[in-house]
Amino acid sequence: MAINLTKGQTIDLRKDTNDLDQITIGLGWKVREKKKGFLGGIFGGKDEAEFDLDAIAFLLDENGKLQDRGADKLVGGDIVFFNSRKHPSGTVIHSGDNRVGGTGANDDEQIIVKLNSMPAKYHRILFLVCIYQGIKQGQHFGQVESAYIRAVDGKGKEMARFSLSSESAYEGKCTMVFGEVYRRTDGWKFRAIGDAHPYDSLVHLLKEHLPQ
């Protein structure tokens, strides 16, 4: 049975009870419906089709830094996203860009991580979601009714889930660091983070993780 996490909570991804050869980090979201009433009847419906949320993974070393940004700007290095969907090691793979979200019970975007094959130099995989052109479009996580990140093992068993609901703290925030998978001794852990930021691009967070 999956464990429902709260912000900051960490669990062991136990290899004796879970298949960690390949796990799936699934992300999903549902955008809040517009208010009803006269104007809602004219302009009503949902904002979902207008939101483009992008899942991103940073592969970090033991100091929490990105060592390889790729030869072609952000492509081909330690950042996995819709324009660079497979890490050079083959251990992290992005499902592709979903421009709508909230379309059903399935994850809106997925990132596959092959933990047992992960090169030893990588100690953390950080998972974040950015609202594409959120600032320009006036879109933010305060308008997202619900969102989640979950970890599913290689046999399809959900190990952990962290859910978020819209709240005032997310108003004006266009990027969310949802969670991370990280090494400890001879195993891996999953941590729920839920930290929101006002920018709508991975570049700002990227700068925080570049080597000095």
C-alpha atoms as a PDB file:
ATOM      1  CA  MET A   1       0.000   0.000   0.000  1.00  0.00           C
ATOM      2  CA  ALA A   2       1.374   3.414  -0.959  1.00  0.00           C
ATOM      3  CA  ILE A   3       2.432   5.849   1.742  1.00  0.00           C
ATOM      4  CA  ASN A   4       0.861   9.301   1.548  1.00  0.00           C
ATOM      5  CA  LEU A   5       3.574  11.785   2.415  1.00  0.00           C
ATOM      6  CA  THR A   6       3.437  15.232   3.935  1.00  0.00           C
ATOM      7  CA  LYS A   7       5.787  18.079   3.037  1.00  0.00           C
ATOM      8  CA  GLY A   8       9.322  17.284   4.150  1.00  0.00           C
ATOM      9  CA  GLN A   9       8.603  13.623   4.887  1.00  0.00           C
ATOM     10  CA  THR A  10      11.071  10.973   3.706  1.00  0.00           C
ATOM     11  CA  ILE A  11      10.692   7.229   3.191  1.00  0.00           C
ATOM     12  CA  ASP A  12      13.049   4.401   2.298  1.00  0.00           C
ATOM     13  CA  LEU A  13      12.643   2.854  -1.137  1.00  0.00           C
ATOM     14  CA  ARG A  14      13.303  -0.657   0.090  1.00  0.00           C
ATOM     15  CA  LYS A  15      14.799  -2.994  -2.465  1.00  0.00           C
ATOM     16  CA  ASP A  16      13.712  -6.059  -0.485  1.00  0.00           C
ATOM     17  CA  THR A  17      10.014  -5.220  -0.966  1.00  0.00           C
ATOM     18  CA  ASN A  18      10.111  -3.097  -4.147  1.00  0.00           C
ATOM     19  CA  ASP A  19      11.487  -3.567  -7.650  1.00  0.00           C
ATOM     20  CA  LEU A  20      13.897  -0.642  -7.952  1.00  0.00           C
ATOM     21  CA  ASP A  21      15.452  -1.687 -11.232  1.00  0.00           C
ATOM     22  CA  GLN A  22      13.165   0.824 -12.897  1.00  0.00           C
ATOM     23  CA  ILE A  23      10.863   3.195 -11.036  1.00  0.00           C
ATOM     24  CA  THR A  24       8.440   5.703 -12.487  1.00  0.00           C
ATOM     25  CA  ILE A  25       8.036   9.182 -11.053  1.00  0.00           C
ATOM     26  CA  GLY A  26       4.544  10.203 -12.090  1.00  0.00           C
ATOM     27  CA  LEU A  27       3.258  13.768 -11.955  1.00  0.00           C
ATOM     28  CA  GLY A  28      -0.323  14.903 -12.359  1.00  0.00           C
ATOM     29  CA  TRP A  29      -2.364  18.051 -11.940  1.00  0.00           C
ATOM     30  CA  LYS A  30      -5.868  19.430 -12.232  1.00  0.00           C
ATOM     31  CA  VAL A  31      -6.530  23.108 -12.814  1.00  0.00           C
ATOM     32  CA  ARG A  32      -9.240  24.795 -10.757  1.00  0.00           C
ATOM     33  CA  GLU A  33     -12.498  25.527 -12.553  1.00  0.00           C
ATOM     34  CA  LYS A  34     -13.376  29.135 -13.216  1.00  0.00           C
ATOM     35  CA  LYS A  35     -15.976  30.713 -10.968  1.00  0.00           C
ATOM     36  CA  LYS A  36     -19.570  30.302 -12.011  1.00  0.00           C
ATOM     37  CA  GLY A  37     -22.045  33.123 -12.489  1.00  0.00           C
ATOM     38  CA  PHE A  38     -22.805  35.542 -15.292  1.00  0.00           C
ATOM     39  CA  LEU A  39     -19.218  36.086 -16.406  1.00  0.00           C
ATOM     40  CA  GLY A  40     -18.470  32.430 -15.828  1.00  0.00           C
ATOM     41  CA  GLY A  41     -21.305  31.574 -18.190  1.00  0.00           C
ATOM     42  CA  ILE A  42     -19.768  33.744 -20.886  1.00  0.00           C
ATOM     43  CA  PHE A  43     -16.121  32.880 -20.360  1.00  0.00           C
ATOM     44  CA  GLY A  44     -16.631  29.689 -18.365  1.00  0.00           C
ATOM     45  CA  GLY A  45     -15.070  26.292 -18.612  1.00  0.00           C
ATOM     46  CA  LYS A  46     -11.740  25.212 -17.256  1.00  0.00           C
ATOM     47  CA  ASP A  47      -8.324  26.781 -17.596  1.00  0.00           C
ATOM     48  CA  GLU A  48      -6.718  23.360 -18.173  1.00  0.00           C
ATOM     49  CA  ALA A  49      -6.096  23.690 -21.905  1.00  0.00           C
ATOM     50  CA  GLU A  50      -4.262  26.954 -21.307  1.00  0.00           C
ATOM     51  CA  PHE A  51      -1.812  25.528 -18.786  1.00  0.00           C
ATOM     52  CA  ASP A  52       1.396  23.844 -19.948  1.00  0.00           C
ATOM     53  CA  LEU A  53       3.166  22.273 -16.985  1.00  0.00           C
ATOM     54  CA  ASP A  54       6.560  20.708 -17.697  1.00  0.00           C
ATOM     55  CA  ALA A  55       8.236  18.025 -15.588  1.00  0.00           C
ATOM     56  CA  ILE A  56      12.022  18.284 -15.236  1.00  0.00           C
ATOM     57  CA  ALA A  57      14.695  16.177 -13.526  1.00  0.00           C
ATOM     58  CA  PHE A  58      18.102  17.382 -12.333  1.00  0.00           C
ATOM     59  CA  LEU A  59      20.777  14.719 -11.795  1.00  0.00           C
ATOM     60  CA  LEU A  60      23.014  16.026  -9.025  1.00  0.00           C
ATOM     61  CA  ASP A  61      26.323  14.951  -7.521  1.00  0.00           C
ATOM     62  CA  GLU A  62      27.067  14.461  -3.812  1.00  0.00           C
ATOM     63  CA  ASN A  63      27.308  18.245  -3.371  1.00  0.00           C
ATOM     64  CA  GLY A  64      23.932  18.872  -4.995  1.00  0.00           C
ATOM     65  CA  LYS A  65      25.506  20.239  -8.177  1.00  0.00           C
ATOM     66  CA  LEU A  66      24.937  19.717 -11.900  1.00  0.00           C
ATOM     67  CA  GLN A  67      28.228  18.678 -13.461  1.00  0.00           C
ATOM     68  CA  ASP A  68      27.192  18.456 -17.124  1.00  0.00           C
ATOM     69  CA  ARG A  69      24.844  20.977 -18.761  1.00  0.00           C
ATOM     70  CA  GLY A  70      25.264  19.380 -22.180  1.00  0.00           C
ATOM     71  CA  ALA A  71      27.124  20.508 -25.270  1.00  0.00           C
ATOM     72  CA  ASP A  72      24.036  22.107 -26.838  1.00  0.00           C
ATOM     73  CA  LYS A  73      22.831  24.545 -24.165  1.00  0.00           C
ATOM     74  CA  LEU A  74      20.651  22.414 -21.847  1.00  0.00           C
ATOM     75  CA  VAL A  75      20.452  19.391 -24.150  1.00  0.00           C
ATOM     76  CA  GLY A  76      22.393  16.173 -23.670  1.00  0.00           C
ATOM     77  CA  GLY A  77      23.557  16.738 -20.091  1.00  0.00           C
ATOM     78  CA  ASP A  78      22.327  16.163 -16.536  1.00  0.00           C
ATOM     79  CA  ILE A  79      18.963  17.896 -17.087  1.00  0.00           C
ATOM     80  CA  VAL A  80      16.137  15.718 -18.403  1.00  0.00           C
ATOM     81  CA  PHE A  81      13.061  17.499 -19.790  1.00  0.00           C
ATOM     82  CA  PHE A  82      10.869  17.647 -22.904  1.00  0.00           C
ATOM     83  CA  ASN A  83      13.711  18.913 -25.147  1.00  0.00           C
ATOM     84  CA  SER A  84      16.257  16.436 -23.785  1.00  0.00           C
ATOM     85  CA  ARG A  85      14.227  13.360 -22.927  1.00  0.00           C
ATOM     86  CA  LYS A  86      16.926  10.767 -22.276  1.00  0.00           C
ATOM     87  CA  HIS A  87      19.987  11.129 -20.069  1.00  0.00           C
ATOM     88  CA  PRO A  88      23.276  10.065 -21.739  1.00  0.00           C
ATOM     89  CA  SER A  89      23.586   7.213 -19.206  1.00  0.00           C
ATOM     90  CA  GLY A  90      20.188   5.865 -20.262  1.00  0.00           C
ATOM     91  CA  THR A  91      19.051   5.784 -16.641  1.00  0.00           C
ATOM     92  CA  VAL A  92      16.545   8.692 -16.697  1.00  0.00           C
ATOM     93  CA  ILE A  93      13.907   9.017 -19.425  1.00  0.00           C
ATOM     94  CA  HIS A  94      11.155  11.639 -19.846  1.00  0.00           C
ATOM     95  CA  SER A  95       7.739  10.566 -21.182  1.00  0.00           C
ATOM     96  CA  GLY A  96       7.327  13.689 -23.337  1.00  0.00           C
ATOM     97  CA  ASP A  97       5.490  16.983 -23.064  1.00  0.00           C
ATOM     98  CA  ASN A  98       1.799  17.009 -22.109  1.00  0.00           C
ATOM     99  CA  ARG A  99       0.351  20.453 -22.866  1.00  0.00           C
ATOM    100  CA  VAL A 100      -2.992  19.954 -21.150  1.00  0.00           C
ATOM    101  CA  GLY A 101      -2.944  17.988 -17.903  1.00  0.00           C
ATOM    102  CA  GLY A 102      -5.852  16.816 -15.804  1.00  0.00           C
ATOM    103  CA  THR A 103      -7.132  14.613 -18.629  1.00  0.00           C
ATOM    104  CA  GLY A 104      -7.838  11.471 -16.598  1.00  0.00           C
ATOM    105  CA  ALA A 105      -6.711   9.154 -13.841  1.00  0.00           C
ATOM    106  CA  ASN A 106      -3.290   8.528 -15.369  1.00  0.00           C
ATOM    107  CA  ASP A 107      -0.160  10.598 -14.776  1.00  0.00           C
ATOM    108  CA  ASP A 108       0.118  13.681 -16.951  1.00  0.00           C
ATOM    109  CA  GLU A 109       3.887  13.310 -17.307  1.00  0.00           C
ATOM    110  CA  GLN A 110       6.296  10.615 -16.186  1.00  0.00           C
ATOM    111  CA  ILE A 111      10.018  10.342 -15.635  1.00  0.00           C
ATOM    112  CA  ILE A 112      11.468   6.836 -15.566  1.00  0.00           C
ATOM    113  CA  VAL A 113      14.518   6.289 -13.351  1.00  0.00           C
ATOM    114  CA  LYS A 114      16.636   3.117 -13.433  1.00  0.00           C
ATOM    115  CA  LEU A 115      17.972   3.248  -9.892  1.00  0.00           C
ATOM    116  CA  ASN A 116      19.947   0.009  -9.975  1.00  0.00           C
ATOM    117  CA  SER A 117      21.889   1.224 -13.031  1.00  0.00           C
ATOM    118  CA  MET A 118      22.417   4.806 -11.876  1.00  0.00           C
ATOM    119  CA  PRO A 119      26.116   5.814 -12.157  1.00  0.00           C
ATOM    120  CA  ALA A 120      27.712   6.203  -8.731  1.00  0.00           C
ATOM    121  CA  LYS A 121      28.530   9.884  -9.279  1.00  0.00           C
ATOM    122  CA  TYR A 122      24.829  10.802  -9.121  1.00  0.00           C
ATOM    123  CA  HIS A 123      23.509  11.104  -5.579  1.00  0.00           C
ATOM    124  CA  ARG A 124      20.236  12.997  -6.042  1.00  0.00           C
ATOM    125  CA  ILE A 125      17.548  13.267  -8.699  1.00  0.00           C
ATOM    126  CA  LEU A 126      15.485  16.414  -8.146  1.00  0.00           C
ATOM    127  CA  PHE A 127      12.001  16.617  -9.709  1.00  0.00           C
ATOM    128  CA  LEU A 128      10.385  19.958 -10.488  1.00  0.00           C
ATOM    129  CA  VAL A 129       7.492  21.283 -12.552  1.00  0.00           C
ATOM    130  CA  CYS A 130       7.408  24.657 -14.327  1.00  0.00           C
ATOM    131  CA  ILE A 131       4.361  26.400 -15.772  1.00  0.00           C
ATOM    132  CA  TYR A 132       5.512  27.355 -19.258  1.00  0.00           C
ATOM    133  CA  GLN A 133       5.255  31.147 -19.708  1.00  0.00           C
ATOM    134  CA  GLY A 134       3.382  31.279 -16.410  1.00  0.00           C
ATOM    135  CA  ILE A 135       4.393  34.859 -15.670  1.00  0.00           C
ATOM    136  CA  LYS A 136       3.381  36.095 -19.129  1.00  0.00           C
ATOM    137  CA  GLN A 137       0.084  34.187 -18.999  1.00  0.00           C
ATOM    138  CA  GLY A 138      -0.686  35.140 -15.403  1.00  0.00           C
ATOM    139  CA  GLN A 139      -0.766  31.468 -14.407  1.00  0.00           C
ATOM    140  CA  HIS A 140       0.501  30.044 -11.120  1.00  0.00           C
ATOM    141  CA  PHE A 141       0.184  27.096  -8.763  1.00  0.00           C
ATOM    142  CA  GLY A 142      -2.454  28.919  -6.727  1.00  0.00           C
ATOM    143  CA  GLN A 143      -4.771  28.143  -9.654  1.00  0.00           C
ATOM    144  CA  VAL A 144      -3.939  24.442  -9.657  1.00  0.00           C
ATOM    145  CA  GLU A 145      -6.682  22.679  -7.735  1.00  0.00           C
ATOM    146  CA  SER A 146      -4.626  19.587  -7.033  1.00  0.00           C
ATOM    147  CA  ALA A 147      -1.269  18.183  -8.050  1.00  0.00           C
ATOM    148  CA  TYR A 148       0.807  15.208  -7.031  1.00  0.00           C
ATOM    149  CA  ILE A 149       4.056  13.353  -7.431  1.00  0.00           C
ATOM    150  CA  ARG A 150       4.217   9.594  -6.905  1.00  0.00           C
ATOM    151  CA  ALA A 151       6.846   6.870  -7.044  1.00  0.00           C
ATOM    152  CA  VAL A 152       5.912   3.541  -8.667  1.00  0.00           C
ATOM    153  CA  ASP A 153       8.219   0.532  -8.663  1.00  0.00           C
ATOM    154  CA  GLY A 154       9.166  -1.651 -11.637  1.00  0.00           C
ATOM    155  CA  LYS A 155       6.187  -3.952 -11.108  1.00  0.00           C
ATOM    156  CA  GLY A 156       3.658  -1.130 -11.056  1.00  0.00           C
ATOM    157  CA  LYS A 157       3.291  -0.886  -7.283  1.00  0.00           C
ATOM    158  CA  GLU A 158       2.827   2.652  -5.992  1.00  0.00           C
ATOM    159  CA  MET A 159       5.338   3.143  -3.175  1.00  0.00           C
ATOM    160  CA  ALA A 160       4.694   6.755  -2.190  1.00  0.00           C
ATOM    161  CA  ARG A 161       2.561   9.756  -3.121  1.00  0.00           C
ATOM    162  CA  PHE A 162       2.750  13.438  -2.213  1.00  0.00           C
ATOM    163  CA  SER A 163      -0.305  15.551  -2.991  1.00  0.00           C
ATOM    164  CA  LEU A 164      -0.725  19.321  -3.060  1.00  0.00           C
ATOM    165  CA  SER A 165      -3.849  21.462  -3.103  1.00  0.00           C
ATOM    166  CA  SER A 166      -4.144  25.084  -4.140  1.00  0.00           C
ATOM    167  CA  GLU A 167      -3.407  27.525  -1.335  1.00  0.00           C
ATOM    168  CA  SER A 168      -2.533  31.172  -0.900  1.00  0.00           C
ATOM    169  CA  ALA A 169       1.179  30.368  -0.445  1.00  0.00           C
ATOM    170  CA  TYR A 170       1.314  29.255  -4.084  1.00  0.00           C
ATOM    171  CA  GLU A 171      -0.171  32.454  -5.503  1.00  0.00           C
ATOM    172  CA  GLY A 172       2.228  33.897  -8.077  1.00  0.00           C
ATOM    173  CA  LYS A 173       4.491  30.821  -7.911  1.00  0.00           C
ATOM    174  CA  CYS A 174       5.164  29.238 -11.314  1.00  0.00           C
ATOM    175  CA  THR A 175       7.741  26.590 -10.440  1.00  0.00           C
ATOM    176  CA  MET A 176       7.346  23.791  -7.913  1.00  0.00           C
ATOM    177  CA  VAL A 177      10.118  21.533  -6.606  1.00  0.00           C
ATOM    178  CA  PHE A 178       7.966  18.485  -5.909  1.00  0.00           C
ATOM    179  CA  GLY A 179      10.410  15.943  -4.524  1.00  0.00           C
ATOM    180  CA  GLU A 180      13.631  14.030  -4.884  1.00  0.00           C
ATOM    181  CA  VAL A 181      15.146  10.570  -4.845  1.00  0.00           C
ATOM    182  CA  TYR A 182      18.534  10.400  -3.165  1.00  0.00           C
ATOM    183  CA  ARG A 183      21.179   7.912  -2.035  1.00  0.00           C
ATOM    184  CA  ARG A 184      21.785   6.873   1.556  1.00  0.00           C
ATOM    185  CA  THR A 185      24.400   4.214   2.363  1.00  0.00           C
ATOM    186  CA  ASP A 186      23.499   1.293   0.061  1.00  0.00           C
ATOM    187  CA  GLY A 187      19.940   2.338  -0.768  1.00  0.00           C
ATOM    188  CA  TRP A 188      17.637   5.109  -1.941  1.00  0.00           C
ATOM    189  CA  LYS A 189      15.122   7.408  -0.268  1.00  0.00           C
ATOM    190  CA  PHE A 190      12.226   9.493  -1.560  1.00  0.00           C
ATOM    191  CA  ARG A 191      11.509  12.928  -0.081  1.00  0.00           C
ATOM    192  CA  ALA A 192       8.442  15.133  -0.504  1.00  0.00           C
ATOM    193  CA  ILE A 193       9.557  18.761  -0.874  1.00  0.00           C
ATOM    194  CA  GLY A 194       6.767  21.025  -2.191  1.00  0.00           C
ATOM    195  CA  ASP A 195       8.786  24.261  -2.440  1.00  0.00           C
ATOM    196  CA  ALA A 196       7.300  26.878  -4.790  1.00  0.00           C
ATOM    197  CA  HIS A 197       9.169  29.663  -6.604  1.00  0.00           C
ATOM    198  CA  PRO A 198       8.007  32.771  -8.520  1.00  0.00           C
ATOM    199  CA  TYR A 199       9.882  32.131 -11.795  1.00  0.00           C
ATOM    200  CA  ASP A 200       8.587  30.062 -14.725  1.00  0.00           C
ATOM    201  CA  SER A 201      11.849  28.690 -16.106  1.00  0.00           C
ATOM    202  CA  LEU A 202      14.278  26.020 -14.976  1.00  0.00           C
ATOM    203  CA  VAL A 203      17.168  28.457 -15.526  1.00  0.00           C
ATOM    204  CA  HIS A 204      16.862  30.086 -12.086  1.00  0.00           C
ATOM    205  CA  LEU A 205      16.999  26.765 -10.244  1.00  0.00           C
ATOM    206  CA  LEU A 206      19.736  25.581 -12.577  1.00  0.00           C
ATOM    207  CA  LYS A 207      21.953  28.468 -11.416  1.00  0.00           C
ATOM    208  CA  GLU A 208      21.526  27.362  -7.790  1.00  0.00           C
ATOM    209  CA  HIS A 209      22.904  23.927  -8.687  1.00  0.00           C
ATOM    210  CA  LEU A 210      25.859  24.910 -10.853  1.00  0.00           C
ATOM    211  CA  PRO A 211      29.367  24.281  -9.452  1.00  0.00           C
ATOM    212  CA  GLN A 212      31.122  27.380  -8.133  1.00  0.00           C
END
